[in-house]
């Protein structure tokens, strides 16, 4: 049961030779979800050997260029490479007009179905759901309407204890009932409790993505107890005044949110170009929340 996150870009607005602006890939049981799509994202996908055509859902947090300037290029490359499967983009409404203008100007008619889903960044809302996963928005505090995204697994079915099931000679047509939690009544009328023939399902996991935002405690109830939190930490805490002015967070801000939300693990990112290394920010964050790691391009984190 796979749920992991690959960092495609860990820098803030301006790319460097070591760090690209924001993009992440969420892999849930080999289904790929892209979060944000900065300039150079498709290069990063190639660099880390991730097949772009396996991405079917893209979530854009807000309309600052370092979070979406790579999107039209990715959409175009998918078209040029002969994509057939549909693509879904979830983003603030204005982005639909921007994409339409870009496609019209280049006289491009996509050869695959393209579906745009407008979201409301200022509302906590469920925007995606399938049989195994839910994605919700997380309203954030930034200069323009911005949201994060919360990925939550649904509880799976119970797991059969195959040796017990076989020893009791339970017929195959009862398996689904058992997986759904039902007891089994044998041919003699004896009731076999479900927990005797099944194990608990895999624990559900959750991932919260929060970039860009100032220090914003209103997100705490939404991200409470998540397994992995990504929270921007653009500045070290000696620049807290600059962070407040620019509606960004410091490393201490991110760690404080993680601590108050009682998350299991924290990854900080969206580092200002002024920091050649993230170690200063990581060291600060760990003084508040020890289960902190610093994002780096290409790094993979299990949830």
Protein backbone atom coordinates (compact mmCIF):
# COMPACT_ATOMS: atom_id res chain seq x y z
CA UNK A 1 0.00 0.00 0.00
CA UNK A 2 1.91 3.00 -1.30
CA UNK A 3 1.45 6.61 -0.22
CA UNK A 4 4.47 8.78 -0.76
CA UNK A 5 5.50 12.24 -1.91
CA UNK A 6 8.32 13.15 -4.30
CA UNK A 7 9.63 16.71 -4.08
CA UNK A 8 10.08 18.08 -7.60
CA UNK A 9 10.89 21.61 -6.44
CA UNK A 10 11.78 22.92 -2.98
CA UNK A 11 12.74 26.54 -3.69
CA UNK A 12 10.61 29.66 -3.50
CA UNK A 13 9.99 32.03 -6.42
CA UNK A 14 13.30 31.89 -8.31
CA UNK A 15 14.88 28.65 -9.54
CA UNK A 16 18.54 27.90 -8.81
CA UNK A 17 20.90 25.25 -10.11
CA UNK A 18 20.20 23.16 -7.00
CA UNK A 19 16.54 23.83 -6.33
CA UNK A 20 13.53 24.39 -8.59
CA UNK A 21 10.31 26.17 -7.57
CA UNK A 22 7.37 24.31 -6.16
CA UNK A 23 5.96 21.05 -7.48
CA UNK A 24 5.29 17.70 -5.83
CA UNK A 25 4.09 14.29 -6.94
CA UNK A 26 1.83 12.22 -4.68
CA UNK A 27 1.84 8.49 -5.44
CA UNK A 28 -1.14 6.64 -4.00
CA UNK A 29 -0.96 2.97 -4.92
CA UNK A 30 0.68 3.86 -8.26
CA UNK A 31 -1.88 6.55 -9.08
CA UNK A 32 -0.09 9.86 -9.62
CA UNK A 33 -1.35 13.26 -8.42
CA UNK A 34 0.63 16.45 -9.16
CA UNK A 35 0.54 19.34 -6.70
CA UNK A 36 1.52 22.68 -8.24
CA UNK A 37 3.51 22.93 -11.44
CA UNK A 38 6.26 25.53 -11.44
CA UNK A 39 8.57 26.33 -14.32
CA UNK A 40 10.69 23.28 -15.08
CA UNK A 41 8.35 20.70 -13.58
CA UNK A 42 8.33 18.48 -16.66
CA UNK A 43 12.13 18.50 -16.69
CA UNK A 44 12.09 17.36 -13.08
CA UNK A 45 9.62 14.60 -13.92
CA UNK A 46 12.03 13.33 -16.57
CA UNK A 47 15.05 13.73 -14.31
CA UNK A 48 13.48 11.59 -11.59
CA UNK A 49 12.07 9.07 -14.10
CA UNK A 50 8.39 9.78 -13.43
CA UNK A 51 6.15 9.18 -16.46
CA UNK A 52 4.14 12.35 -16.98
CA UNK A 53 1.37 10.55 -18.85
CA UNK A 54 0.52 8.68 -15.65
CA UNK A 55 -0.57 11.95 -14.05
CA UNK A 56 -4.33 12.33 -14.34
CA UNK A 57 -5.08 14.93 -11.63
CA UNK A 58 -3.25 18.24 -11.06
CA UNK A 59 -3.93 20.54 -8.10
CA UNK A 60 -2.84 24.20 -8.27
CA UNK A 61 -2.71 26.07 -4.95
CA UNK A 62 -2.70 29.65 -6.25
CA UNK A 63 -1.77 31.83 -9.20
CA UNK A 64 1.72 33.02 -8.35
CA UNK A 65 3.99 32.01 -11.20
CA UNK A 66 6.27 29.79 -9.15
CA UNK A 67 3.30 27.48 -8.66
CA UNK A 68 1.81 27.26 -12.15
CA UNK A 69 4.09 28.66 -14.89
CA UNK A 70 5.06 25.12 -15.90
CA UNK A 71 1.49 23.93 -16.41
CA UNK A 72 0.89 24.97 -20.02
CA UNK A 73 4.19 23.39 -21.03
CA UNK A 74 3.26 20.12 -19.34
CA UNK A 75 -0.21 20.13 -20.91
CA UNK A 76 1.34 20.80 -24.32
CA UNK A 77 3.94 18.05 -23.96
CA UNK A 78 1.26 15.55 -23.01
CA UNK A 79 -0.55 16.56 -26.22
CA UNK A 80 2.55 16.28 -28.40
CA UNK A 81 3.36 12.86 -26.97
CA UNK A 82 -0.04 11.53 -28.05
CA UNK A 83 -1.90 11.42 -24.75
CA UNK A 84 -5.33 9.78 -24.92
CA UNK A 85 -6.50 9.62 -21.29
CA UNK A 86 -8.33 12.56 -19.78
CA UNK A 87 -6.60 15.12 -17.56
CA UNK A 88 -8.22 16.93 -14.63
CA UNK A 89 -6.95 20.27 -13.29
CA UNK A 90 -8.24 21.71 -10.00
CA UNK A 91 -7.36 25.38 -9.57
CA UNK A 92 -8.62 28.92 -8.93
CA UNK A 93 -11.16 29.88 -11.65
CA UNK A 94 -8.99 32.50 -13.40
CA UNK A 95 -6.52 29.82 -14.48
CA UNK A 96 -9.04 28.35 -16.91
CA UNK A 97 -9.04 31.63 -18.89
CA UNK A 98 -5.25 31.79 -18.82
CA UNK A 99 -4.92 28.27 -20.22
CA UNK A 100 -7.56 28.90 -22.88
CA UNK A 101 -5.73 32.02 -24.09
CA UNK A 102 -2.43 30.15 -24.25
CA UNK A 103 -3.94 27.28 -26.20
CA UNK A 104 -5.80 29.63 -28.54
CA UNK A 105 -2.71 31.76 -29.18
CA UNK A 106 -0.71 28.67 -30.18
CA UNK A 107 -3.65 27.27 -32.19
CA UNK A 108 -3.51 24.08 -30.15
CA UNK A 109 -6.48 21.75 -29.94
CA UNK A 110 -5.71 19.11 -27.36
CA UNK A 111 -6.14 15.55 -28.60
CA UNK A 112 -7.13 14.31 -25.15
CA UNK A 113 -10.10 15.22 -22.91
CA UNK A 114 -9.23 18.15 -20.65
CA UNK A 115 -11.37 18.91 -17.60
CA UNK A 116 -10.98 22.07 -15.53
CA UNK A 117 -12.45 22.12 -12.02
CA UNK A 118 -12.65 25.60 -10.41
CA UNK A 119 -11.98 25.62 -6.68
CA UNK A 120 -12.60 28.17 -3.93
CA UNK A 121 -9.27 28.65 -2.13
CA UNK A 122 -10.93 30.41 0.83
CA UNK A 123 -13.24 27.47 1.58
CA UNK A 124 -12.42 24.14 3.23
CA UNK A 125 -14.03 21.82 0.74
CA UNK A 126 -13.85 18.30 -0.68
CA UNK A 127 -12.75 18.62 -4.31
CA UNK A 128 -11.88 15.04 -5.25
CA UNK A 129 -13.07 11.61 -4.19
CA UNK A 130 -12.71 8.08 -5.45
CA UNK A 131 -13.14 4.66 -3.84
CA UNK A 132 -9.85 4.96 -1.93
CA UNK A 133 -8.95 8.63 -1.51
CA UNK A 134 -10.35 12.07 -0.67
CA UNK A 135 -8.69 15.42 -1.42
CA UNK A 136 -9.79 18.57 0.43
CA UNK A 137 -8.71 22.20 0.23
CA UNK A 138 -6.99 23.93 3.16
CA UNK A 139 -7.56 27.74 3.13
CA UNK A 140 -4.24 29.53 3.74
CA UNK A 141 -3.13 33.09 4.53
CA UNK A 142 -1.29 34.58 1.54
CA UNK A 143 -1.31 37.77 -0.56
CA UNK A 144 -3.71 36.27 -3.08
CA UNK A 145 -6.35 33.52 -2.67
CA UNK A 146 -4.40 30.38 -1.82
CA UNK A 147 -5.14 26.93 -0.50
CA UNK A 148 -3.28 23.82 0.46
CA UNK A 149 -4.46 20.28 -0.12
CA UNK A 150 -5.25 17.46 2.30
CA UNK A 151 -5.00 13.88 0.99
CA UNK A 152 -6.89 11.38 3.15
CA UNK A 153 -7.22 7.66 2.58
CA UNK A 154 -10.57 6.00 3.09
CA UNK A 155 -10.72 3.03 5.41
CA UNK A 156 -10.22 -0.17 3.45
CA UNK A 157 -11.92 -3.52 3.81
CA UNK A 158 -10.88 -6.02 6.45
CA UNK A 159 -8.21 -8.58 5.50
CA UNK A 160 -9.01 -12.28 5.45
CA UNK A 161 -6.96 -14.62 7.61
CA UNK A 162 -6.53 -17.08 4.78
CA UNK A 163 -5.35 -20.00 6.90
CA UNK A 164 -8.37 -19.66 9.22
CA UNK A 165 -10.80 -19.14 6.34
CA UNK A 166 -9.46 -22.24 4.60
CA UNK A 167 -9.52 -24.38 7.74
CA UNK A 168 -13.18 -23.46 8.32
CA UNK A 169 -13.94 -24.13 4.64
CA UNK A 170 -15.77 -20.84 4.30
CA UNK A 171 -17.17 -20.56 0.75
CA UNK A 172 -15.79 -17.92 -1.60
CA UNK A 173 -19.16 -16.20 -1.90
CA UNK A 174 -18.88 -15.20 1.77
CA UNK A 175 -15.53 -13.44 1.40
CA UNK A 176 -16.95 -10.01 0.56
CA UNK A 177 -19.28 -10.09 3.56
CA UNK A 178 -16.36 -10.95 5.80
CA UNK A 179 -14.25 -8.14 4.36
CA UNK A 180 -17.14 -5.78 5.08
CA UNK A 181 -17.14 -6.84 8.74
CA UNK A 182 -19.92 -9.42 8.89
CA UNK A 183 -19.79 -12.49 11.12
CA UNK A 184 -19.99 -15.94 9.51
CA UNK A 185 -22.70 -18.48 10.30
CA UNK A 186 -21.65 -22.00 9.38
CA UNK A 187 -23.86 -24.85 8.15
CA UNK A 188 -24.55 -25.90 11.75
CA UNK A 189 -25.81 -22.46 12.70
CA UNK A 190 -22.70 -21.58 14.71
CA UNK A 191 -21.64 -17.93 14.55
CA UNK A 192 -17.97 -17.23 13.91
CA UNK A 193 -17.07 -13.71 14.98
CA UNK A 194 -15.55 -11.59 12.26
CA UNK A 195 -12.35 -10.85 14.18
CA UNK A 196 -11.62 -14.58 14.25
CA UNK A 197 -11.38 -14.78 10.47
CA UNK A 198 -10.19 -11.27 9.51
CA UNK A 199 -7.57 -8.71 10.49
CA UNK A 200 -8.02 -4.98 10.71
CA UNK A 201 -7.57 -3.07 7.44
CA UNK A 202 -4.41 -1.09 6.79
CA UNK A 203 -4.36 2.08 8.93
CA UNK A 204 -5.55 5.09 6.96
CA UNK A 205 -2.90 7.70 6.19
CA UNK A 206 -3.02 11.42 5.46
CA UNK A 207 -0.81 14.07 3.87
CA UNK A 208 -1.26 17.84 4.17
CA UNK A 209 0.40 20.31 1.78
CA UNK A 210 0.57 23.92 2.98
CA UNK A 211 2.40 26.39 0.74
CA UNK A 212 2.38 29.44 0.53
CA UNK A 213 1.11 30.91 3.78
CA UNK A 214 1.89 33.09 6.72
CA UNK A 215 1.63 31.73 10.25
CA UNK A 216 -2.03 30.70 10.32
CA UNK A 217 -3.47 28.74 13.23
CA UNK A 218 -6.87 28.36 11.57
CA UNK A 219 -5.48 25.42 9.60
CA UNK A 220 -4.76 23.41 12.75
CA UNK A 221 -8.21 21.74 13.07
CA UNK A 222 -8.02 20.68 9.40
CA UNK A 223 -4.54 19.14 9.56
CA UNK A 224 -4.83 17.75 13.10
CA UNK A 225 -2.93 14.46 13.54
CA UNK A 226 -1.93 14.05 9.87
CA UNK A 227 0.85 11.56 9.23
CA UNK A 228 2.93 13.98 7.14
CA UNK A 229 2.71 17.77 6.89
CA UNK A 230 4.53 19.81 4.27
CA UNK A 231 4.66 23.44 5.42
CA UNK A 232 6.50 26.28 3.80
CA UNK A 233 9.45 27.78 5.68
CA UNK A 234 10.67 30.50 3.37
CA UNK A 235 12.76 32.32 5.98
CA UNK A 236 14.79 31.70 9.11
CA UNK A 237 13.16 33.17 12.19
CA UNK A 238 15.48 36.19 12.38
CA UNK A 239 13.52 37.42 9.34
CA UNK A 240 10.10 37.00 10.94
CA UNK A 241 9.17 40.63 10.18
CA UNK A 242 9.89 40.10 6.48
CA UNK A 243 7.91 36.86 6.58
CA UNK A 244 4.88 38.66 8.04
CA UNK A 245 5.13 41.43 5.45
CA UNK A 246 5.26 38.93 2.58
CA UNK A 247 2.65 36.49 3.99
CA UNK A 248 5.20 33.70 4.31
CA UNK A 249 6.36 31.56 7.23
CA UNK A 250 9.61 31.01 9.07
CA UNK A 251 11.06 27.65 10.04
CA UNK A 252 9.86 28.22 13.61
CA UNK A 253 6.36 29.09 12.35
CA UNK A 254 6.14 25.82 10.43
CA UNK A 255 7.39 23.77 13.37
CA UNK A 256 4.99 25.49 15.76
CA UNK A 257 2.02 24.68 13.53
CA UNK A 258 3.21 21.05 13.33
CA UNK A 259 3.54 20.84 17.11
CA UNK A 260 0.14 22.41 17.81
CA UNK A 261 -1.56 20.20 15.19
CA UNK A 262 0.14 17.12 16.70
CA UNK A 263 1.22 15.83 13.31
CA UNK A 264 3.53 12.84 13.13
CA UNK A 265 6.15 14.25 10.77
CA UNK A 266 6.96 17.61 9.18
CA UNK A 267 8.77 18.49 5.95
CA UNK A 268 9.70 22.14 5.44
CA UNK A 269 10.34 23.71 2.05
CA UNK A 270 9.81 26.71 -0.28
CA UNK A 271 13.18 28.06 0.81
CA UNK A 272 14.27 31.56 -0.09
CA UNK A 273 17.10 31.76 -2.63
CA UNK A 274 19.15 33.63 -0.02
CA UNK A 275 19.80 30.27 1.69
CA UNK A 276 22.33 28.17 -0.18
CA UNK A 277 21.63 25.34 2.26
CA UNK A 278 18.47 24.45 4.17
CA UNK A 279 20.40 23.31 7.24
CA UNK A 280 19.98 26.59 9.15
CA UNK A 281 16.22 26.43 8.75
CA UNK A 282 16.10 22.73 9.59
CA UNK A 283 18.12 23.23 12.77
CA UNK A 284 15.76 26.00 13.91
CA UNK A 285 12.64 23.97 13.17
CA UNK A 286 13.91 20.93 15.07
CA UNK A 287 14.27 22.99 18.26
CA UNK A 288 10.46 23.25 18.23
CA UNK A 289 9.43 20.02 16.49
CA UNK A 290 12.06 17.30 16.38
CA UNK A 291 10.37 15.16 13.72
CA UNK A 292 11.25 17.67 11.00
CA UNK A 293 13.04 17.14 7.70
CA UNK A 294 14.08 19.60 5.02
CA UNK A 295 12.77 19.11 1.50
CA UNK A 296 15.26 18.66 -1.30
CA UNK A 297 14.60 18.15 -4.98
CA UNK A 298 14.19 14.50 -5.90
CA UNK A 299 13.71 13.33 -2.32
CA UNK A 300 10.92 10.86 -1.63
CA UNK A 301 8.95 10.77 1.64
CA UNK A 302 6.72 7.89 2.74
CA UNK A 303 3.54 8.95 4.50
